[in-house]
Amino acid sequence: MAAQTPSEYIQHHLQNLVLGVHPEHGLGFAHSAAEARAMGFWAIHVDTMLWSVGLGALFLWLFRKVAVTATSEVPGGFQNFVETIIEFIDDNVRGTFTGKNDLVAPIALTLFVWIFLMNTMDLVPVDWIPWLASLVGVPYMKVVATTDPNATFGMSLSVFALTIYYSIKVKGAGGFFGELAFQPFPKFLFPVNLFLEGISLISKPVSLSLRLFGNLYAGEMIFILIALLYSGGFWWGLAGGALQWGWAVFHLLIVTLQAFIFMILTIVYLDMAHSHH
């Protein structure tokens, strides 16, 4: 990495580990951004899958461990921590969701903790894990799955699918269509209503995914730019260390806030799906 120009350094850290079928080389990993683009839509971002699934499994393992070992006597510190998170999620669901659905709270808990864990990987120094990966011949390794729009769109489209499903289940196909076609203007203007409400409906998963992606991508970019200061000598490195620490403290707020926003908007969208206007 020492021989890279600043531009090459930034491009390297923003490139995913892509597995796909290249038109000329067949199945394999991409060794450049151009090869990744040539692999097309069906290429897989292996690092995004690895870290997102791995952190999801970590979340399930930790919470299951607490559930199995939970005690009604004096609880341990981690049990207190988990109970605090569950109580926090439960309070938000009770205050926001007006319908009755036993799946909303588990969905909200899963999204909040899972996204928080993925976001928190942004606090790991940007060179550490890519350097370790390079030692075993892995050319690229992005560890923050939420800086990949494939991951954020995947979650937001899942929420969108649930919203459509419960809208039809609770209101019926006719009731759901009526909300889209006969509001806010009179019924004879249903094409205008359908157009406006359709745009509003489609914008929900788009804004949900891009908000999370944009904030985490920008945060990762700032960490990368700060890391470049270490190549400028002692004083620039000292300044980089101070900036990195300051941005990490501030970014911890962003990491938590973005997980909370994604969770609370999911609850709001599911509440809208269960409500009759």
Protein backbone atom coordinates (compact mmCIF):
# COMPACT_ATOMS: atom_id res chain seq x y z
CA MET A 1 0.00 0.00 0.00
CA ALA A 2 2.99 2.31 0.53
CA ALA A 3 3.58 2.54 -3.23
CA GLN A 4 0.01 3.61 -3.96
CA THR A 5 -0.90 7.17 -4.87
CA PRO A 6 -3.60 8.83 -2.71
CA SER A 7 -6.13 8.24 -5.49
CA GLU A 8 -5.22 4.57 -5.79
CA TYR A 9 -5.31 4.20 -2.01
CA ILE A 10 -8.85 5.60 -1.83
CA GLN A 11 -10.05 3.49 -4.77
CA HIS A 12 -8.56 0.37 -3.21
CA HIS A 13 -10.38 0.90 0.09
CA LEU A 14 -13.68 1.60 -1.65
CA GLN A 15 -13.55 -1.52 -3.84
CA ASN A 16 -15.47 -4.62 -2.78
CA LEU A 17 -14.18 -8.18 -3.10
CA VAL A 18 -16.25 -9.25 -6.11
CA LEU A 19 -16.85 -12.83 -7.22
CA GLY A 20 -18.45 -13.39 -10.61
CA VAL A 21 -18.14 -14.57 -14.18
CA HIS A 22 -15.86 -12.40 -16.29
CA PRO A 23 -16.54 -12.42 -20.06
CA GLU A 24 -12.91 -13.31 -20.77
CA HIS A 25 -11.55 -14.99 -17.63
CA GLY A 26 -14.56 -16.96 -16.45
CA LEU A 27 -15.50 -17.48 -12.80
CA GLY A 28 -13.20 -15.83 -10.29
CA PHE A 29 -12.48 -12.81 -8.12
CA ALA A 30 -12.11 -9.37 -9.65
CA HIS A 31 -8.65 -7.86 -9.34
CA SER A 32 -9.68 -4.37 -10.40
CA ALA A 33 -12.74 -2.13 -10.52
CA ALA A 34 -12.90 -2.62 -14.29
CA GLU A 35 -13.05 -6.41 -13.91
CA ALA A 36 -15.77 -6.04 -11.26
CA ARG A 37 -17.88 -3.92 -13.63
CA ALA A 38 -17.37 -6.42 -16.44
CA MET A 39 -18.83 -9.19 -14.27
CA GLY A 40 -22.21 -7.50 -14.40
CA PHE A 41 -25.27 -7.55 -12.17
CA TRP A 42 -25.01 -11.13 -10.88
CA ALA A 43 -21.55 -10.73 -9.35
CA ILE A 44 -21.46 -11.17 -5.57
CA HIS A 45 -19.77 -8.82 -3.12
CA VAL A 46 -18.17 -11.51 -1.00
CA ASP A 47 -16.95 -9.18 1.75
CA THR A 48 -20.41 -7.65 2.18
CA MET A 49 -21.94 -11.12 2.47
CA LEU A 50 -19.19 -12.30 4.83
CA TRP A 51 -19.41 -9.43 7.29
CA SER A 52 -23.18 -8.96 7.21
CA VAL A 53 -23.95 -12.66 7.69
CA GLY A 54 -21.13 -13.06 10.21
CA LEU A 55 -22.30 -10.13 12.34
CA GLY A 56 -25.89 -11.35 12.07
CA ALA A 57 -24.78 -14.74 13.37
CA LEU A 58 -22.85 -13.01 16.17
CA PHE A 59 -25.99 -11.12 17.17
CA LEU A 60 -28.06 -14.32 17.27
CA TRP A 61 -25.40 -16.19 19.24
CA LEU A 62 -24.93 -13.45 21.84
CA PHE A 63 -28.63 -12.89 22.44
CA ARG A 64 -29.39 -16.61 22.54
CA LYS A 65 -26.58 -17.11 25.04
CA VAL A 66 -28.12 -14.44 27.29
CA ALA A 67 -31.59 -15.98 26.89
CA VAL A 68 -30.32 -19.45 27.86
CA THR A 69 -28.28 -18.25 30.86
CA ALA A 70 -30.70 -15.51 32.03
CA THR A 71 -31.40 -15.46 35.75
CA SER A 72 -34.04 -13.72 37.86
CA GLU A 73 -31.45 -13.20 40.59
CA VAL A 74 -28.68 -10.62 40.35
CA PRO A 75 -28.02 -10.49 36.58
CA GLY A 76 -24.62 -10.07 35.02
CA GLY A 77 -23.49 -6.98 33.18
CA PHE A 78 -24.14 -8.33 29.71
CA GLN A 79 -27.61 -9.56 30.66
CA ASN A 80 -28.38 -6.07 31.96
CA PHE A 81 -27.12 -4.60 28.68
CA VAL A 82 -29.27 -6.92 26.55
CA GLU A 83 -32.33 -6.33 28.72
CA THR A 84 -31.81 -2.58 28.36
CA ILE A 85 -31.72 -2.86 24.57
CA ILE A 86 -34.85 -5.05 24.51
CA GLU A 87 -36.69 -2.64 26.81
CA PHE A 88 -35.62 0.30 24.63
CA ILE A 89 -36.93 -1.41 21.49
CA ASP A 90 -40.15 -2.45 23.24
CA ASP A 91 -40.82 1.12 24.40
CA ASN A 92 -40.33 2.44 20.86
CA VAL A 93 -42.63 -0.20 19.37
CA ARG A 94 -45.34 0.47 21.99
CA GLY A 95 -45.09 4.20 21.39
CA THR A 96 -45.09 4.02 17.59
CA PHE A 97 -46.95 0.91 16.48
CA THR A 98 -50.70 1.11 17.11
CA GLY A 99 -51.69 -2.24 15.60
CA LYS A 100 -51.27 -5.76 16.91
CA ASN A 101 -48.49 -7.85 15.42
CA ASP A 102 -46.10 -9.95 17.49
CA LEU A 103 -43.45 -9.85 14.75
CA VAL A 104 -42.89 -6.07 14.78
CA ALA A 105 -40.80 -5.95 17.97
CA PRO A 106 -38.48 -8.85 16.93
CA ILE A 107 -38.05 -7.27 13.49
CA ALA A 108 -37.21 -3.92 15.08
CA LEU A 109 -34.75 -5.53 17.51
CA THR A 110 -33.05 -7.48 14.73
CA LEU A 111 -32.69 -4.46 12.47
CA PHE A 112 -31.38 -2.17 15.20
CA VAL A 113 -28.74 -4.52 16.61
CA TRP A 114 -27.70 -5.94 13.23
CA ILE A 115 -27.31 -2.53 11.59
CA PHE A 116 -25.54 -1.19 14.68
CA LEU A 117 -23.00 -4.03 14.54
CA MET A 118 -22.38 -3.51 10.82
CA ASN A 119 -22.04 0.24 11.32
CA THR A 120 -19.66 -0.21 14.25
CA MET A 121 -17.14 -1.93 11.96
CA ASP A 122 -16.52 1.57 10.60
CA LEU A 123 -14.62 2.30 13.83
CA VAL A 124 -11.99 -0.34 13.05
CA PRO A 125 -8.90 1.40 11.57
CA VAL A 126 -9.29 1.29 7.77
CA ASP A 127 -5.96 -0.45 7.05
CA TRP A 128 -5.99 -3.24 9.62
CA ILE A 129 -8.34 -5.83 8.15
CA PRO A 130 -7.48 -5.12 4.45
CA TRP A 131 -3.79 -5.56 5.38
CA LEU A 132 -4.49 -8.90 7.08
CA ALA A 133 -6.55 -9.99 4.05
CA SER A 134 -3.69 -9.06 1.70
CA LEU A 135 -1.38 -11.41 3.62
CA VAL A 136 -3.48 -14.38 2.49
CA GLY A 137 -3.83 -13.12 -1.08
CA VAL A 138 -7.22 -11.38 -0.82
CA PRO A 139 -6.92 -8.18 -2.89
CA TYR A 140 -9.87 -6.24 -1.43
CA MET A 141 -11.78 -6.30 1.83
CA LYS A 142 -14.47 -3.77 2.78
CA VAL A 143 -15.60 -4.52 6.31
CA VAL A 144 -18.52 -2.08 6.61
CA ALA A 145 -21.42 -3.84 4.89
CA THR A 146 -23.68 -0.77 5.18
CA THR A 147 -21.34 1.17 2.87
CA ASP A 148 -22.51 -1.21 0.13
CA PRO A 149 -25.88 -0.15 -1.38
CA ASN A 150 -26.57 -3.81 -2.16
CA ALA A 151 -26.84 -4.49 1.59
CA THR A 152 -28.87 -1.40 2.47
CA PHE A 153 -31.24 -1.90 -0.48
CA GLY A 154 -31.61 -5.56 0.45
CA MET A 155 -32.80 -4.62 3.94
CA SER A 156 -35.03 -1.78 2.76
CA LEU A 157 -36.66 -3.92 0.05
CA SER A 158 -37.36 -6.59 2.69
CA VAL A 159 -39.09 -3.95 4.81
CA PHE A 160 -40.96 -2.75 1.71
CA ALA A 161 -42.14 -6.31 0.95
CA LEU A 162 -43.42 -6.65 4.52
CA THR A 163 -45.21 -3.31 4.21
CA ILE A 164 -46.98 -4.39 1.02
CA TYR A 165 -47.80 -7.80 2.48
CA TYR A 166 -49.41 -6.42 5.64
CA SER A 167 -51.16 -3.63 3.74
CA ILE A 168 -52.94 -6.23 1.61
CA LYS A 169 -53.44 -8.67 4.49
CA VAL A 170 -55.00 -6.09 6.83
CA LYS A 171 -56.95 -3.96 4.35
CA GLY A 172 -57.45 -6.37 1.48
CA ALA A 173 -56.29 -5.78 -2.09
CA GLY A 174 -59.20 -3.42 -2.73
CA GLY A 175 -58.58 -1.38 0.41
CA PHE A 176 -54.88 -1.05 -0.34
CA PHE A 177 -55.58 -0.02 -3.93
CA GLY A 178 -58.21 2.44 -2.68
CA GLU A 179 -55.61 4.16 -0.49
CA LEU A 180 -53.36 4.59 -3.51
CA ALA A 181 -56.03 5.57 -6.06
CA PHE A 182 -58.65 7.60 -4.18
CA GLN A 183 -56.58 9.89 -1.94
CA PRO A 184 -55.93 12.77 -1.47
CA PHE A 185 -57.98 14.13 -4.42
CA PRO A 186 -61.54 13.15 -5.45
CA LYS A 187 -62.06 9.71 -6.96
CA PHE A 188 -62.36 10.95 -10.55
CA LEU A 189 -58.74 12.08 -10.29
CA PHE A 190 -57.58 8.57 -9.45
CA PRO A 191 -54.80 8.58 -12.11
CA VAL A 192 -53.24 11.61 -10.40
CA ASN A 193 -53.71 10.03 -6.96
CA LEU A 194 -52.22 6.76 -8.15
CA PHE A 195 -49.21 8.54 -9.62
CA LEU A 196 -48.53 10.63 -6.51
CA GLU A 197 -49.16 7.85 -4.00
CA GLY A 198 -47.15 5.41 -6.14
CA ILE A 199 -44.15 7.72 -6.05
CA SER A 200 -44.58 8.16 -2.29
CA LEU A 201 -44.73 4.39 -1.82
CA ILE A 202 -41.70 3.64 -3.96
CA SER A 203 -39.67 6.43 -2.36
CA LYS A 204 -39.85 4.75 1.05
CA PRO A 205 -37.41 1.88 0.39
CA VAL A 206 -35.21 4.13 -1.75
CA SER A 207 -34.84 6.80 0.95
CA LEU A 208 -34.52 4.18 3.69
CA SER A 209 -31.60 2.48 1.96
CA LEU A 210 -29.84 5.56 0.60
CA ARG A 211 -29.95 7.38 3.96
CA LEU A 212 -28.11 4.54 5.69
CA PHE A 213 -25.71 3.98 2.80
CA GLY A 214 -24.93 7.69 2.31
CA ASN A 215 -24.14 8.43 5.95
CA LEU A 216 -21.93 5.38 6.44
CA TYR A 217 -20.19 5.78 3.08
CA ALA A 218 -19.38 9.41 3.89
CA GLY A 219 -18.09 8.42 7.32
CA GLU A 220 -15.88 5.71 5.82
CA MET A 221 -14.54 8.17 3.24
CA ILE A 222 -13.54 10.60 5.99
CA PHE A 223 -11.69 7.84 7.85
CA ILE A 224 -9.83 6.97 4.63
CA LEU A 225 -8.88 10.60 4.02
CA ILE A 226 -7.64 10.92 7.61
CA ALA A 227 -5.58 7.74 7.16
CA LEU A 228 -3.78 9.40 4.25
CA LEU A 229 -2.30 11.92 6.67
CA TYR A 230 -0.11 9.19 8.20
CA SER A 231 1.96 9.13 5.02
CA GLY A 232 2.87 12.82 5.37
CA GLY A 233 5.43 12.54 8.14
CA PHE A 234 5.42 12.78 11.93
CA TRP A 235 3.42 15.97 12.40
CA TRP A 236 0.80 15.06 9.79
CA GLY A 237 0.57 11.62 11.40
CA LEU A 238 0.06 13.22 14.80
CA ALA A 239 -2.68 15.41 13.39
CA GLY A 240 -4.20 12.36 11.72
CA GLY A 241 -4.27 10.50 15.04
CA ALA A 242 -6.09 13.38 16.75
CA LEU A 243 -8.55 13.74 13.88
CA GLN A 244 -9.16 10.00 13.77
CA TRP A 245 -9.94 9.88 17.47
CA GLY A 246 -12.25 12.92 17.26
CA TRP A 247 -14.09 11.62 14.22
CA ALA A 248 -14.45 8.16 15.78
CA VAL A 249 -16.12 9.67 18.86
CA PHE A 250 -18.49 11.72 16.72
CA HIS A 251 -19.06 8.83 14.32
CA LEU A 252 -20.18 6.61 17.19
CA LEU A 253 -23.24 8.88 17.41
CA ILE A 254 -23.87 8.50 13.67
CA VAL A 255 -23.47 4.72 13.89
CA THR A 256 -26.14 4.51 16.60
CA LEU A 257 -28.42 7.15 15.13
CA GLN A 258 -28.57 5.56 11.69
CA ALA A 259 -29.44 2.17 13.17
CA PHE A 260 -32.18 3.84 15.23
CA ILE A 261 -33.58 5.77 12.25
CA PHE A 262 -33.77 2.66 10.10
CA MET A 263 -35.52 0.79 12.91
CA ILE A 264 -38.01 3.53 13.78
CA LEU A 265 -38.96 4.14 10.14
CA THR A 266 -39.54 0.41 9.72
CA ILE A 267 -41.94 0.51 12.68
CA VAL A 268 -43.69 3.57 11.20
CA TYR A 269 -44.08 1.94 7.78
CA LEU A 270 -45.48 -1.25 9.33
CA ASP A 271 -47.86 0.83 11.44
CA MET A 272 -49.08 2.58 8.29
CA ALA A 273 -49.61 -0.83 6.69
CA HIS A 274 -51.83 -1.87 9.63
CA SER A 275 -53.77 1.42 9.81
CA HIS A 276 -56.89 2.42 7.90
CA HIS A 277 -56.71 6.01 6.69
